[in-house]
Protein backbone atom coordinates (compact mmCIF):
# COMPACT_ATOMS: atom_id res chain seq x y z
CA UNK A 1 0.00 0.00 0.00
CA UNK A 2 0.96 3.54 -0.44
CA UNK A 3 2.73 5.03 2.59
CA UNK A 4 1.03 8.22 3.79
CA UNK A 5 2.80 10.43 6.40
CA UNK A 6 1.66 9.90 9.94
CA UNK A 7 2.19 13.42 11.13
CA UNK A 8 0.81 16.65 9.79
CA UNK A 9 4.24 18.29 9.44
CA UNK A 10 5.02 15.77 6.69
CA UNK A 11 1.87 16.54 4.67
CA UNK A 12 3.57 19.10 2.42
CA UNK A 13 6.21 16.61 1.38
CA UNK A 14 3.99 14.26 -0.60
CA UNK A 15 0.32 13.52 -1.16
CA UNK A 16 0.48 9.80 -0.86
CA UNK A 17 2.65 9.91 2.16
CA UNK A 18 -0.85 11.28 2.72
CA UNK A 19 -10.46 -6.15 20.85
CA UNK A 20 -12.61 -7.31 24.38
CA UNK A 21 -15.06 -9.87 25.32
CA UNK A 22 -18.81 -9.83 25.12
CA UNK A 23 -19.49 -8.70 28.71
CA UNK A 24 -21.98 -6.20 29.99
CA UNK A 25 -20.49 -2.71 30.10
CA UNK A 26 -19.82 -1.59 33.71
CA UNK A 27 -20.71 1.92 34.88
CA UNK A 28 -18.15 4.40 33.61
CA UNK A 29 -16.35 6.55 36.17
CA UNK A 30 -14.51 9.42 34.53
CA UNK A 31 -12.86 10.42 37.80
CA UNK A 32 -11.20 7.04 38.28
CA UNK A 33 -7.65 6.50 37.00
CA UNK A 34 -7.91 5.54 33.37
CA UNK A 35 -11.66 6.23 33.46
CA UNK A 36 -13.55 6.95 30.28
CA UNK A 37 -15.66 9.91 29.40
CA UNK A 38 -19.20 9.49 30.77
CA UNK A 39 -21.95 8.82 28.28
CA UNK A 40 -23.77 12.01 27.47
CA UNK A 41 -27.31 12.58 26.30
CA UNK A 42 -27.44 12.99 22.54
CA UNK A 43 -29.75 15.21 20.54
CA UNK A 44 -31.94 14.06 17.62
CA UNK A 45 -28.94 13.99 15.28
CA UNK A 46 -26.97 11.72 17.64
CA UNK A 47 -24.51 14.48 18.56
CA UNK A 48 -23.75 15.03 22.24
CA UNK A 49 -23.24 18.43 23.85
CA UNK A 50 -19.52 19.10 23.53
CA UNK A 51 -19.65 21.60 26.41
CA UNK A 52 -21.15 19.10 28.87
CA UNK A 53 -17.78 18.58 30.55
CA UNK A 54 -15.54 21.45 31.62
CA UNK A 55 -12.41 19.98 30.07
CA UNK A 56 -14.05 19.84 26.63
CA UNK A 57 -14.57 16.08 26.68
CA UNK A 58 -17.74 14.67 25.15
CA UNK A 59 -19.25 11.55 23.61
CA UNK A 60 -21.21 11.05 20.41
CA UNK A 61 -23.53 8.14 19.60
CA UNK A 62 -23.57 6.62 16.15
CA UNK A 63 -24.88 3.31 14.77
CA UNK A 64 -23.47 0.89 12.24
CA UNK A 65 -25.00 -2.14 10.51
CA UNK A 66 -22.89 -5.27 10.18
CA UNK A 67 -23.52 -8.86 9.03
CA UNK A 68 -27.11 -10.05 8.86
CA UNK A 69 -28.51 -6.56 9.35
CA UNK A 70 -27.28 -6.45 12.94
CA UNK A 71 -27.14 -2.91 14.28
CA UNK A 72 -24.42 -1.91 16.74
CA UNK A 73 -24.12 1.31 18.71
CA UNK A 74 -20.86 3.19 18.66
CA UNK A 75 -19.92 5.61 21.43
CA UNK A 76 -17.22 7.93 20.14
CA UNK A 77 -15.20 9.60 22.90
CA UNK A 78 -13.79 12.97 21.94
CA UNK A 79 -12.32 16.21 23.22
CA UNK A 80 -12.40 19.73 21.87
CA UNK A 81 -9.08 20.70 20.36
CA UNK A 82 -7.55 24.10 19.54
CA UNK A 83 -8.60 25.91 16.36
CA UNK A 84 -12.18 24.57 16.42
CA UNK A 85 -11.04 20.98 15.87
CA UNK A 86 -12.24 17.84 17.59
CA UNK A 87 -10.22 14.75 18.52
CA UNK A 88 -11.68 11.25 18.78
CA UNK A 89 -9.54 9.02 21.01
CA UNK A 90 -11.61 5.83 21.41
CA UNK A 91 -14.81 4.12 20.35
CA UNK A 92 -16.94 1.78 22.47
CA UNK A 93 -18.71 -0.84 20.34
CA UNK A 94 -22.00 -1.86 21.97
CA UNK A 95 -24.47 -4.63 21.16
CA UNK A 96 -27.40 -3.51 23.29
CA UNK A 97 -25.94 -3.18 26.79
CA UNK A 98 -22.99 -5.46 26.00
CA UNK A 99 -19.62 -3.95 25.16
CA UNK A 100 -17.99 -5.94 22.38
CA UNK A 101 -14.77 -3.92 22.35
CA UNK A 102 -13.20 -0.53 22.84
CA UNK A 103 -11.22 0.73 19.87
CA UNK A 104 -8.12 2.78 20.63
CA UNK A 105 -7.22 5.37 18.02
CA UNK A 106 -3.70 5.55 19.46
CA UNK A 107 -3.20 1.84 18.76
CA UNK A 108 -4.20 2.36 15.14
CA UNK A 109 -1.83 5.33 14.76
CA UNK A 110 1.04 3.33 16.21
CA UNK A 111 0.27 0.38 13.96
CA UNK A 112 0.13 2.60 10.89
CA UNK A 113 3.08 4.90 11.54
CA UNK A 114 5.10 3.54 14.48
CA UNK A 115 4.86 6.89 16.28
CA UNK A 116 2.13 9.16 17.64
CA UNK A 117 2.46 12.89 18.26
CA UNK A 118 -1.29 13.51 17.90
CA UNK A 119 -2.18 12.81 21.51
CA UNK A 120 -3.82 9.57 20.45
CA UNK A 121 -6.58 11.30 18.56
CA UNK A 122 -8.04 11.33 15.08
CA UNK A 123 -8.66 15.00 14.30
CA UNK A 124 -11.52 16.57 12.41
CA UNK A 125 -13.60 19.74 12.26
CA UNK A 126 -16.66 17.59 13.10
CA UNK A 127 -17.59 16.38 16.60
CA UNK A 128 -18.02 12.83 15.34
CA UNK A 129 -14.60 12.85 13.69
CA UNK A 130 -16.10 12.76 10.22
CA UNK A 131 -17.45 9.29 11.03
CA UNK A 132 -18.39 7.05 8.13
CA UNK A 133 -19.93 3.54 8.09
CA UNK A 134 -19.13 2.49 4.53
CA UNK A 135 -18.44 -1.12 3.51
CA UNK A 136 -14.76 -0.89 2.64
CA UNK A 137 -14.06 -4.58 1.98
CA UNK A 138 -17.20 -5.63 0.12
CA UNK A 139 -18.46 -8.15 2.68
CA UNK A 140 -21.84 -6.51 3.24
CA UNK A 141 -20.95 -5.05 6.66
CA UNK A 142 -20.34 -1.44 7.51
CA UNK A 143 -16.80 -0.47 8.48
CA UNK A 144 -15.71 2.42 10.68
CA UNK A 145 -13.96 5.43 9.17
CA UNK A 146 -12.55 8.46 11.02
CA UNK A 147 -10.76 11.42 9.51
CA UNK A 148 -7.11 11.16 10.45
CA UNK A 149 -6.13 14.81 10.66
CA UNK A 150 -7.09 18.18 9.25
CA UNK A 151 -5.40 19.28 6.06
CA UNK A 152 -5.35 22.54 4.12
CA UNK A 153 -5.83 20.84 0.76
CA UNK A 154 -8.31 18.55 -0.90
CA UNK A 155 -6.68 15.31 0.21
CA UNK A 156 -8.51 14.03 3.29
CA UNK A 157 -6.89 11.08 5.15
CA UNK A 158 -9.08 8.51 6.89
CA UNK A 159 -8.34 5.66 9.28
CA UNK A 160 -10.51 2.56 8.71
CA UNK A 161 -11.49 -0.31 11.00
CA UNK A 162 -13.01 -3.37 9.29
CA UNK A 163 -15.69 -5.60 10.84
CA UNK A 164 -14.63 -9.22 11.40
CA UNK A 165 -17.72 -11.40 11.79
CA UNK A 166 -15.67 -14.34 13.12
CA UNK A 167 -14.30 -12.44 16.11
CA UNK A 168 -17.17 -9.92 16.31
CA UNK A 169 -14.61 -7.15 16.46
CA UNK A 170 -13.50 -4.27 14.33
CA UNK A 171 -9.85 -4.62 13.40
CA UNK A 172 -7.68 -1.80 12.14
CA UNK A 173 -7.23 -1.90 8.40
CA UNK A 174 -5.50 1.04 6.75
CA UNK A 175 -5.23 4.77 6.19
CA UNK A 176 -6.11 6.24 2.80
CA UNK A 177 -6.95 9.63 1.32
CA UNK A 178 -10.24 10.27 -0.52
CA UNK A 179 -11.09 6.56 -0.56
CA UNK A 180 -14.16 5.46 -2.53
CA UNK A 181 -15.05 1.73 -2.72
CA UNK A 182 -16.26 0.47 -6.08
CA UNK A 183 -18.53 -2.57 -5.48
CA UNK A 184 -18.50 -3.47 -9.19
CA UNK A 185 -14.74 -3.86 -9.49
CA UNK A 186 -14.15 -4.69 -5.78
CA UNK A 187 -11.51 -2.00 -5.72
CA UNK A 188 -10.99 1.12 -3.61
CA UNK A 189 -10.29 4.20 -5.70
CA UNK A 190 -8.37 7.17 -4.29
CA UNK A 191 -8.11 10.36 -6.30
CA UNK A 192 -5.58 12.81 -4.84
CA UNK A 193 -4.01 16.06 -5.98
CA UNK A 194 -0.23 16.39 -6.01
CA UNK A 195 0.43 20.08 -6.51
CA UNK A 196 -1.32 22.38 -8.95
CA UNK A 197 -0.74 20.32 -12.05
CA UNK A 198 -0.85 16.66 -11.06
CA UNK A 199 -3.84 14.50 -10.17
CA UNK A 200 -3.27 10.88 -9.22
CA UNK A 201 -5.81 8.06 -9.14
CA UNK A 202 -4.80 4.98 -7.16
CA UNK A 203 -6.59 1.65 -7.34
CA UNK A 204 -6.42 -0.71 -4.37
CA UNK A 205 -7.51 -4.34 -4.31
CA UNK A 206 -7.53 -7.06 -1.65
CA UNK A 207 -5.17 -9.98 -2.27
CA UNK A 208 -5.83 -13.63 -1.38
CA UNK A 209 -4.85 -12.98 2.27
CA UNK A 210 -7.26 -10.07 2.59
CA UNK A 211 -4.49 -7.46 2.55
CA UNK A 212 -5.18 -4.29 0.59
CA UNK A 213 -2.68 -3.74 -2.19
CA UNK A 214 -2.06 -0.78 -4.51
CA UNK A 215 -2.40 -2.38 -7.94
CA UNK A 216 -2.50 0.59 -10.31
CA UNK A 217 -1.91 4.35 -10.43
CA UNK A 218 -2.97 6.76 -13.13
CA UNK A 219 -0.97 9.99 -13.10
CA UNK A 220 -2.57 12.92 -14.92
CA UNK A 221 -0.29 15.93 -15.46
CA UNK A 222 -1.35 19.24 -17.01
CA UNK A 223 1.24 20.40 -19.54
CA UNK A 224 2.26 23.99 -20.29
CA UNK A 225 0.06 24.00 -23.39
CA UNK A 226 -2.99 23.05 -21.33
CA UNK A 227 -3.16 19.46 -22.48
CA UNK A 228 -3.11 16.56 -20.03
CA UNK A 229 -0.53 13.81 -20.15
CA UNK A 230 -1.58 10.48 -18.61
CA UNK A 231 0.76 7.79 -17.34
CA UNK A 232 -0.28 4.41 -15.96
CA UNK A 233 1.92 2.75 -13.35
CA UNK A 234 1.64 -0.92 -12.38
CA UNK A 235 3.96 -3.63 -11.08
CA UNK A 236 7.56 -2.60 -10.48
CA UNK A 237 6.97 0.91 -11.79
CA UNK A 238 4.34 1.44 -9.12
CA UNK A 239 6.58 0.00 -6.42
CA UNK A 240 9.42 2.29 -7.48
CA UNK A 241 7.11 5.33 -7.40
CA UNK A 242 6.21 4.55 -3.77
C-alpha atoms as a PDB file:
ATOM      1  CA  UNK A   1       0.000   0.000   0.000  1.00  0.00           C
ATOM      2  CA  UNK A   2       0.958   3.537  -0.443  1.00  0.00           C
ATOM      3  CA  UNK A   3       2.733   5.026   2.588  1.00  0.00           C
ATOM      4  CA  UNK A   4       1.029   8.222   3.791  1.00  0.00           C
ATOM      5  CA  UNK A   5       2.797  10.426   6.397  1.00  0.00           C
ATOM      6  CA  UNK A   6       1.657   9.902   9.943  1.00  0.00           C
ATOM      7  CA  UNK A   7       2.191  13.418  11.132  1.00  0.00           C
ATOM      8  CA  UNK A   8       0.810  16.653   9.791  1.00  0.00           C
ATOM      9  CA  UNK A   9       4.244  18.288   9.440  1.00  0.00           C
ATOM     10  CA  UNK A  10       5.015  15.771   6.689  1.00  0.00           C
ATOM     11  CA  UNK A  11       1.873  16.539   4.674  1.00  0.00           C
ATOM     12  CA  UNK A  12       3.566  19.102   2.416  1.00  0.00           C
ATOM     13  CA  UNK A  13       6.208  16.606   1.383  1.00  0.00           C
ATOM     14  CA  UNK A  14       3.986  14.257  -0.598  1.00  0.00           C
ATOM     15  CA  UNK A  15       0.320  13.523  -1.164  1.00  0.00           C
ATOM     16  CA  UNK A  16       0.485   9.803  -0.865  1.00  0.00           C
ATOM     17  CA  UNK A  17       2.649   9.913   2.157  1.00  0.00           C
ATOM     18  CA  UNK A  18      -0.849  11.284   2.720  1.00  0.00           C
ATOM     19  CA  UNK A  19     -10.465  -6.146  20.846  1.00  0.00           C
ATOM     20  CA  UNK A  20     -12.611  -7.313  24.383  1.00  0.00           C
ATOM     21  CA  UNK A  21     -15.057  -9.874  25.322  1.00  0.00           C
ATOM     22  CA  UNK A  22     -18.813  -9.830  25.123  1.00  0.00           C
ATOM     23  CA  UNK A  23     -19.486  -8.703  28.710  1.00  0.00           C
ATOM     24  CA  UNK A  24     -21.983  -6.197  29.994  1.00  0.00           C
ATOM     25  CA  UNK A  25     -20.485  -2.713  30.104  1.00  0.00           C
ATOM     26  CA  UNK A  26     -19.816  -1.586  33.705  1.00  0.00           C
ATOM     27  CA  UNK A  27     -20.711   1.917  34.877  1.00  0.00           C
ATOM     28  CA  UNK A  28     -18.154   4.395  33.612  1.00  0.00           C
ATOM     29  CA  UNK A  29     -16.351   6.553  36.168  1.00  0.00           C
ATOM     30  CA  UNK A  30     -14.506   9.421  34.527  1.00  0.00           C
ATOM     31  CA  UNK A  31     -12.858  10.424  37.796  1.00  0.00           C
ATOM     32  CA  UNK A  32     -11.196   7.041  38.276  1.00  0.00           C
ATOM     33  CA  UNK A  33      -7.654   6.500  36.996  1.00  0.00           C
ATOM     34  CA  UNK A  34      -7.909   5.544  33.370  1.00  0.00           C
ATOM     35  CA  UNK A  35     -11.663   6.233  33.456  1.00  0.00           C
ATOM     36  CA  UNK A  36     -13.548   6.945  30.282  1.00  0.00           C
ATOM     37  CA  UNK A  37     -15.657   9.914  29.397  1.00  0.00           C
ATOM     38  CA  UNK A  38     -19.205   9.487  30.770  1.00  0.00           C
ATOM     39  CA  UNK A  39     -21.945   8.818  28.276  1.00  0.00           C
ATOM     40  CA  UNK A  40     -23.767  12.010  27.466  1.00  0.00           C
ATOM     41  CA  UNK A  41     -27.312  12.579  26.303  1.00  0.00           C
ATOM     42  CA  UNK A  42     -27.441  12.994  22.542  1.00  0.00           C
ATOM     43  CA  UNK A  43     -29.745  15.206  20.543  1.00  0.00           C
ATOM     44  CA  UNK A  44     -31.936  14.056  17.622  1.00  0.00           C
ATOM     45  CA  UNK A  45     -28.938  13.989  15.284  1.00  0.00           C
ATOM     46  CA  UNK A  46     -26.968  11.719  17.641  1.00  0.00           C
ATOM     47  CA  UNK A  47     -24.513  14.477  18.561  1.00  0.00           C
ATOM     48  CA  UNK A  48     -23.749  15.031  22.240  1.00  0.00           C
ATOM     49  CA  UNK A  49     -23.236  18.427  23.846  1.00  0.00           C
ATOM     50  CA  UNK A  50     -19.524  19.104  23.531  1.00  0.00           C
ATOM     51  CA  UNK A  51     -19.655  21.604  26.407  1.00  0.00           C
ATOM     52  CA  UNK A  52     -21.149  19.098  28.872  1.00  0.00           C
ATOM     53  CA  UNK A  53     -17.776  18.584  30.551  1.00  0.00           C
ATOM     54  CA  UNK A  54     -15.544  21.445  31.621  1.00  0.00           C
ATOM     55  CA  UNK A  55     -12.407  19.983  30.068  1.00  0.00           C
ATOM     56  CA  UNK A  56     -14.045  19.838  26.629  1.00  0.00           C
ATOM     57  CA  UNK A  57     -14.571  16.075  26.680  1.00  0.00           C
ATOM     58  CA  UNK A  58     -17.741  14.674  25.154  1.00  0.00           C
ATOM     59  CA  UNK A  59     -19.255  11.552  23.611  1.00  0.00           C
ATOM     60  CA  UNK A  60     -21.210  11.047  20.414  1.00  0.00           C
ATOM     61  CA  UNK A  61     -23.532   8.141  19.604  1.00  0.00           C
ATOM     62  CA  UNK A  62     -23.567   6.619  16.153  1.00  0.00           C
ATOM     63  CA  UNK A  63     -24.880   3.314  14.775  1.00  0.00           C
ATOM     64  CA  UNK A  64     -23.472   0.888  12.236  1.00  0.00           C
ATOM     65  CA  UNK A  65     -25.003  -2.142  10.508  1.00  0.00           C
ATOM     66  CA  UNK A  66     -22.892  -5.270  10.185  1.00  0.00           C
ATOM     67  CA  UNK A  67     -23.523  -8.861   9.035  1.00  0.00           C
ATOM     68  CA  UNK A  68     -27.106 -10.047   8.860  1.00  0.00           C
ATOM     69  CA  UNK A  69     -28.505  -6.558   9.347  1.00  0.00           C
ATOM     70  CA  UNK A  70     -27.279  -6.448  12.938  1.00  0.00           C
ATOM     71  CA  UNK A  71     -27.137  -2.910  14.282  1.00  0.00           C
ATOM     72  CA  UNK A  72     -24.419  -1.915  16.741  1.00  0.00           C
ATOM     73  CA  UNK A  73     -24.121   1.306  18.708  1.00  0.00           C
ATOM     74  CA  UNK A  74     -20.856   3.195  18.657  1.00  0.00           C
ATOM     75  CA  UNK A  75     -19.916   5.611  21.435  1.00  0.00           C
ATOM     76  CA  UNK A  76     -17.223   7.935  20.144  1.00  0.00           C
ATOM     77  CA  UNK A  77     -15.199   9.597  22.902  1.00  0.00           C
ATOM     78  CA  UNK A  78     -13.790  12.975  21.944  1.00  0.00           C
ATOM     79  CA  UNK A  79     -12.318  16.206  23.219  1.00  0.00           C
ATOM     80  CA  UNK A  80     -12.404  19.726  21.870  1.00  0.00           C
ATOM     81  CA  UNK A  81      -9.081  20.697  20.357  1.00  0.00           C
ATOM     82  CA  UNK A  82      -7.547  24.100  19.536  1.00  0.00           C
ATOM     83  CA  UNK A  83      -8.602  25.906  16.360  1.00  0.00           C
ATOM     84  CA  UNK A  84     -12.180  24.566  16.424  1.00  0.00           C
ATOM     85  CA  UNK A  85     -11.043  20.977  15.868  1.00  0.00           C
ATOM     86  CA  UNK A  86     -12.244  17.835  17.593  1.00  0.00           C
ATOM     87  CA  UNK A  87     -10.224  14.751  18.518  1.00  0.00           C
ATOM     88  CA  UNK A  88     -11.681  11.247  18.780  1.00  0.00           C
ATOM     89  CA  UNK A  89      -9.540   9.018  21.012  1.00  0.00           C
ATOM     90  CA  UNK A  90     -11.613   5.835  21.405  1.00  0.00           C
ATOM     91  CA  UNK A  91     -14.812   4.115  20.347  1.00  0.00           C
ATOM     92  CA  UNK A  92     -16.936   1.783  22.471  1.00  0.00           C
ATOM     93  CA  UNK A  93     -18.709  -0.839  20.343  1.00  0.00           C
ATOM     94  CA  UNK A  94     -22.001  -1.856  21.973  1.00  0.00           C
ATOM     95  CA  UNK A  95     -24.466  -4.628  21.157  1.00  0.00           C
ATOM     96  CA  UNK A  96     -27.399  -3.514  23.287  1.00  0.00           C
ATOM     97  CA  UNK A  97     -25.943  -3.183  26.793  1.00  0.00           C
ATOM     98  CA  UNK A  98     -22.987  -5.462  26.001  1.00  0.00           C
ATOM     99  CA  UNK A  99     -19.617  -3.951  25.158  1.00  0.00           C
ATOM    100  CA  UNK A 100     -17.986  -5.940  22.375  1.00  0.00           C
ATOM    101  CA  UNK A 101     -14.767  -3.916  22.351  1.00  0.00           C
ATOM    102  CA  UNK A 102     -13.199  -0.528  22.837  1.00  0.00           C
ATOM    103  CA  UNK A 103     -11.225   0.734  19.866  1.00  0.00           C
ATOM    104  CA  UNK A 104      -8.121   2.779  20.631  1.00  0.00           C
ATOM    105  CA  UNK A 105      -7.217   5.369  18.025  1.00  0.00           C
ATOM    106  CA  UNK A 106      -3.701   5.551  19.464  1.00  0.00           C
ATOM    107  CA  UNK A 107      -3.204   1.835  18.765  1.00  0.00           C
ATOM    108  CA  UNK A 108      -4.204   2.365  15.145  1.00  0.00           C
ATOM    109  CA  UNK A 109      -1.831   5.330  14.762  1.00  0.00           C
ATOM    110  CA  UNK A 110       1.039   3.326  16.206  1.00  0.00           C
ATOM    111  CA  UNK A 111       0.274   0.376  13.961  1.00  0.00           C
ATOM    112  CA  UNK A 112       0.135   2.596  10.893  1.00  0.00           C
ATOM    113  CA  UNK A 113       3.084   4.900  11.541  1.00  0.00           C
ATOM    114  CA  UNK A 114       5.103   3.537  14.485  1.00  0.00           C
ATOM    115  CA  UNK A 115       4.862   6.892  16.275  1.00  0.00           C
ATOM    116  CA  UNK A 116       2.132   9.157  17.645  1.00  0.00           C
ATOM    117  CA  UNK A 117       2.458  12.892  18.263  1.00  0.00           C
ATOM    118  CA  UNK A 118      -1.293  13.511  17.896  1.00  0.00           C
ATOM    119  CA  UNK A 119      -2.182  12.810  21.514  1.00  0.00           C
ATOM    120  CA  UNK A 120      -3.816   9.567  20.446  1.00  0.00           C
ATOM    121  CA  UNK A 121      -6.583  11.304  18.556  1.00  0.00           C
ATOM    122  CA  UNK A 122      -8.036  11.330  15.079  1.00  0.00           C
ATOM    123  CA  UNK A 123      -8.663  15.000  14.305  1.00  0.00           C
ATOM    124  CA  UNK A 124     -11.517  16.572  12.405  1.00  0.00           C
ATOM    125  CA  UNK A 125     -13.602  19.738  12.256  1.00  0.00           C
ATOM    126  CA  UNK A 126     -16.664  17.592  13.103  1.00  0.00           C
ATOM    127  CA  UNK A 127     -17.590  16.382  16.603  1.00  0.00           C
ATOM    128  CA  UNK A 128     -18.019  12.827  15.340  1.00  0.00           C
ATOM    129  CA  UNK A 129     -14.599  12.845  13.695  1.00  0.00           C
ATOM    130  CA  UNK A 130     -16.097  12.765  10.217  1.00  0.00           C
ATOM    131  CA  UNK A 131     -17.446   9.293  11.033  1.00  0.00           C
ATOM    132  CA  UNK A 132     -18.395   7.051   8.128  1.00  0.00           C
ATOM    133  CA  UNK A 133     -19.932   3.544   8.095  1.00  0.00           C
ATOM    134  CA  UNK A 134     -19.133   2.487   4.526  1.00  0.00           C
ATOM    135  CA  UNK A 135     -18.443  -1.119   3.514  1.00  0.00           C
ATOM    136  CA  UNK A 136     -14.761  -0.892   2.637  1.00  0.00           C
ATOM    137  CA  UNK A 137     -14.062  -4.582   1.984  1.00  0.00           C
ATOM    138  CA  UNK A 138     -17.205  -5.628   0.120  1.00  0.00           C
ATOM    139  CA  UNK A 139     -18.460  -8.153   2.677  1.00  0.00           C
ATOM    140  CA  UNK A 140     -21.841  -6.511   3.244  1.00  0.00           C
ATOM    141  CA  UNK A 141     -20.951  -5.052   6.656  1.00  0.00           C
ATOM    142  CA  UNK A 142     -20.337  -1.441   7.508  1.00  0.00           C
ATOM    143  CA  UNK A 143     -16.801  -0.471   8.475  1.00  0.00           C
ATOM    144  CA  UNK A 144     -15.707   2.422  10.678  1.00  0.00           C
ATOM    145  CA  UNK A 145     -13.965   5.432   9.170  1.00  0.00           C
ATOM    146  CA  UNK A 146     -12.550   8.459  11.021  1.00  0.00           C
ATOM    147  CA  UNK A 147     -10.757  11.416   9.507  1.00  0.00           C
ATOM    148  CA  UNK A 148      -7.106  11.160  10.448  1.00  0.00           C
ATOM    149  CA  UNK A 149      -6.127  14.809  10.659  1.00  0.00           C
ATOM    150  CA  UNK A 150      -7.092  18.182   9.253  1.00  0.00           C
ATOM    151  CA  UNK A 151      -5.402  19.282   6.063  1.00  0.00           C
ATOM    152  CA  UNK A 152      -5.351  22.536   4.121  1.00  0.00           C
ATOM    153  CA  UNK A 153      -5.825  20.838   0.763  1.00  0.00           C
ATOM    154  CA  UNK A 154      -8.315  18.552  -0.900  1.00  0.00           C
ATOM    155  CA  UNK A 155      -6.680  15.307   0.206  1.00  0.00           C
ATOM    156  CA  UNK A 156      -8.505  14.034   3.294  1.00  0.00           C
ATOM    157  CA  UNK A 157      -6.886  11.079   5.146  1.00  0.00           C
ATOM    158  CA  UNK A 158      -9.076   8.509   6.892  1.00  0.00           C
ATOM    159  CA  UNK A 159      -8.345   5.662   9.279  1.00  0.00           C
ATOM    160  CA  UNK A 160     -10.510   2.560   8.709  1.00  0.00           C
ATOM    161  CA  UNK A 161     -11.489  -0.311  10.996  1.00  0.00           C
ATOM    162  CA  UNK A 162     -13.015  -3.370   9.287  1.00  0.00           C
ATOM    163  CA  UNK A 163     -15.688  -5.595  10.839  1.00  0.00           C
ATOM    164  CA  UNK A 164     -14.628  -9.216  11.398  1.00  0.00           C
ATOM    165  CA  UNK A 165     -17.722 -11.399  11.794  1.00  0.00           C
ATOM    166  CA  UNK A 166     -15.672 -14.341  13.122  1.00  0.00           C
ATOM    167  CA  UNK A 167     -14.304 -12.436  16.111  1.00  0.00           C
ATOM    168  CA  UNK A 168     -17.171  -9.922  16.315  1.00  0.00           C
ATOM    169  CA  UNK A 169     -14.607  -7.154  16.457  1.00  0.00           C
ATOM    170  CA  UNK A 170     -13.498  -4.265  14.331  1.00  0.00           C
ATOM    171  CA  UNK A 171      -9.848  -4.616  13.403  1.00  0.00           C
ATOM    172  CA  UNK A 172      -7.683  -1.796  12.135  1.00  0.00           C
ATOM    173  CA  UNK A 173      -7.233  -1.902   8.396  1.00  0.00           C
ATOM    174  CA  UNK A 174      -5.496   1.035   6.752  1.00  0.00           C
ATOM    175  CA  UNK A 175      -5.233   4.770   6.191  1.00  0.00           C
ATOM    176  CA  UNK A 176      -6.112   6.241   2.800  1.00  0.00           C
ATOM    177  CA  UNK A 177      -6.953   9.625   1.321  1.00  0.00           C
ATOM    178  CA  UNK A 178     -10.236  10.267  -0.516  1.00  0.00           C
ATOM    179  CA  UNK A 179     -11.094   6.557  -0.563  1.00  0.00           C
ATOM    180  CA  UNK A 180     -14.160   5.459  -2.526  1.00  0.00           C
ATOM    181  CA  UNK A 181     -15.054   1.732  -2.717  1.00  0.00           C
ATOM    182  CA  UNK A 182     -16.262   0.472  -6.083  1.00  0.00           C
ATOM    183  CA  UNK A 183     -18.525  -2.573  -5.481  1.00  0.00           C
ATOM    184  CA  UNK A 184     -18.505  -3.474  -9.188  1.00  0.00           C
ATOM    185  CA  UNK A 185     -14.735  -3.865  -9.490  1.00  0.00           C
ATOM    186  CA  UNK A 186     -14.152  -4.694  -5.783  1.00  0.00           C
ATOM    187  CA  UNK A 187     -11.512  -1.998  -5.718  1.00  0.00           C
ATOM    188  CA  UNK A 188     -10.995   1.119  -3.608  1.00  0.00           C
ATOM    189  CA  UNK A 189     -10.291   4.204  -5.700  1.00  0.00           C
ATOM    190  CA  UNK A 190      -8.367   7.168  -4.287  1.00  0.00           C
ATOM    191  CA  UNK A 191      -8.106  10.365  -6.299  1.00  0.00           C
ATOM    192  CA  UNK A 192      -5.582  12.811  -4.843  1.00  0.00           C
ATOM    193  CA  UNK A 193      -4.007  16.062  -5.985  1.00  0.00           C
ATOM    194  CA  UNK A 194      -0.232  16.390  -6.005  1.00  0.00           C
ATOM    195  CA  UNK A 195       0.430  20.080  -6.506  1.00  0.00           C
ATOM    196  CA  UNK A 196      -1.320  22.378  -8.946  1.00  0.00           C
ATOM    197  CA  UNK A 197      -0.742  20.316 -12.046  1.00  0.00           C
ATOM    198  CA  UNK A 198      -0.855  16.657 -11.064  1.00  0.00           C
ATOM    199  CA  UNK A 199      -3.842  14.500 -10.171  1.00  0.00           C
ATOM    200  CA  UNK A 200      -3.268  10.878  -9.219  1.00  0.00           C
ATOM    201  CA  UNK A 201      -5.808   8.063  -9.136  1.00  0.00           C
ATOM    202  CA  UNK A 202      -4.797   4.980  -7.158  1.00  0.00           C
ATOM    203  CA  UNK A 203      -6.594   1.650  -7.335  1.00  0.00           C
ATOM    204  CA  UNK A 204      -6.423  -0.710  -4.368  1.00  0.00           C
ATOM    205  CA  UNK A 205      -7.509  -4.345  -4.310  1.00  0.00           C
ATOM    206  CA  UNK A 206      -7.528  -7.063  -1.650  1.00  0.00           C
ATOM    207  CA  UNK A 207      -5.175  -9.982  -2.266  1.00  0.00           C
ATOM    208  CA  UNK A 208      -5.829 -13.626  -1.376  1.00  0.00           C
ATOM    209  CA  UNK A 209      -4.847 -12.982   2.271  1.00  0.00           C
ATOM    210  CA  UNK A 210      -7.257 -10.070   2.593  1.00  0.00           C
ATOM    211  CA  UNK A 211      -4.487  -7.462   2.549  1.00  0.00           C
ATOM    212  CA  UNK A 212      -5.179  -4.290   0.589  1.00  0.00           C
ATOM    213  CA  UNK A 213      -2.679  -3.737  -2.194  1.00  0.00           C
ATOM    214  CA  UNK A 214      -2.063  -0.782  -4.508  1.00  0.00           C
ATOM    215  CA  UNK A 215      -2.397  -2.378  -7.944  1.00  0.00           C
ATOM    216  CA  UNK A 216      -2.503   0.592 -10.313  1.00  0.00           C
ATOM    217  CA  UNK A 217      -1.907   4.348 -10.427  1.00  0.00           C
ATOM    218  CA  UNK A 218      -2.971   6.755 -13.130  1.00  0.00           C
ATOM    219  CA  UNK A 219      -0.972   9.989 -13.100  1.00  0.00           C
ATOM    220  CA  UNK A 220      -2.572  12.924 -14.918  1.00  0.00           C
ATOM    221  CA  UNK A 221      -0.293  15.930 -15.461  1.00  0.00           C
ATOM    222  CA  UNK A 222      -1.346  19.239 -17.011  1.00  0.00           C
ATOM    223  CA  UNK A 223       1.244  20.403 -19.544  1.00  0.00           C
ATOM    224  CA  UNK A 224       2.259  23.995 -20.293  1.00  0.00           C
ATOM    225  CA  UNK A 225       0.062  23.998 -23.394  1.00  0.00           C
ATOM    226  CA  UNK A 226      -2.989  23.046 -21.331  1.00  0.00           C
ATOM    227  CA  UNK A 227      -3.161  19.456 -22.476  1.00  0.00           C
ATOM    228  CA  UNK A 228      -3.107  16.563 -20.034  1.00  0.00           C
ATOM    229  CA  UNK A 229      -0.526  13.807 -20.153  1.00  0.00           C
ATOM    230  CA  UNK A 230      -1.583  10.481 -18.614  1.00  0.00           C
ATOM    231  CA  UNK A 231       0.763   7.792 -17.340  1.00  0.00           C
ATOM    232  CA  UNK A 232      -0.281   4.412 -15.958  1.00  0.00           C
ATOM    233  CA  UNK A 233       1.922   2.751 -13.347  1.00  0.00           C
ATOM    234  CA  UNK A 234       1.640  -0.919 -12.385  1.00  0.00           C
ATOM    235  CA  UNK A 235       3.960  -3.634 -11.081  1.00  0.00           C
ATOM    236  CA  UNK A 236       7.559  -2.599 -10.482  1.00  0.00           C
ATOM    237  CA  UNK A 237       6.972   0.913 -11.791  1.00  0.00           C
ATOM    238  CA  UNK A 238       4.336   1.441  -9.123  1.00  0.00           C
ATOM    239  CA  UNK A 239       6.576   0.002  -6.424  1.00  0.00           C
ATOM    240  CA  UNK A 240       9.419   2.289  -7.476  1.00  0.00           C
ATOM    241  CA  UNK A 241       7.113   5.326  -7.399  1.00  0.00           C
ATOM    242  CA  UNK A 242       6.212   4.549  -3.773  1.00  0.00           C
END
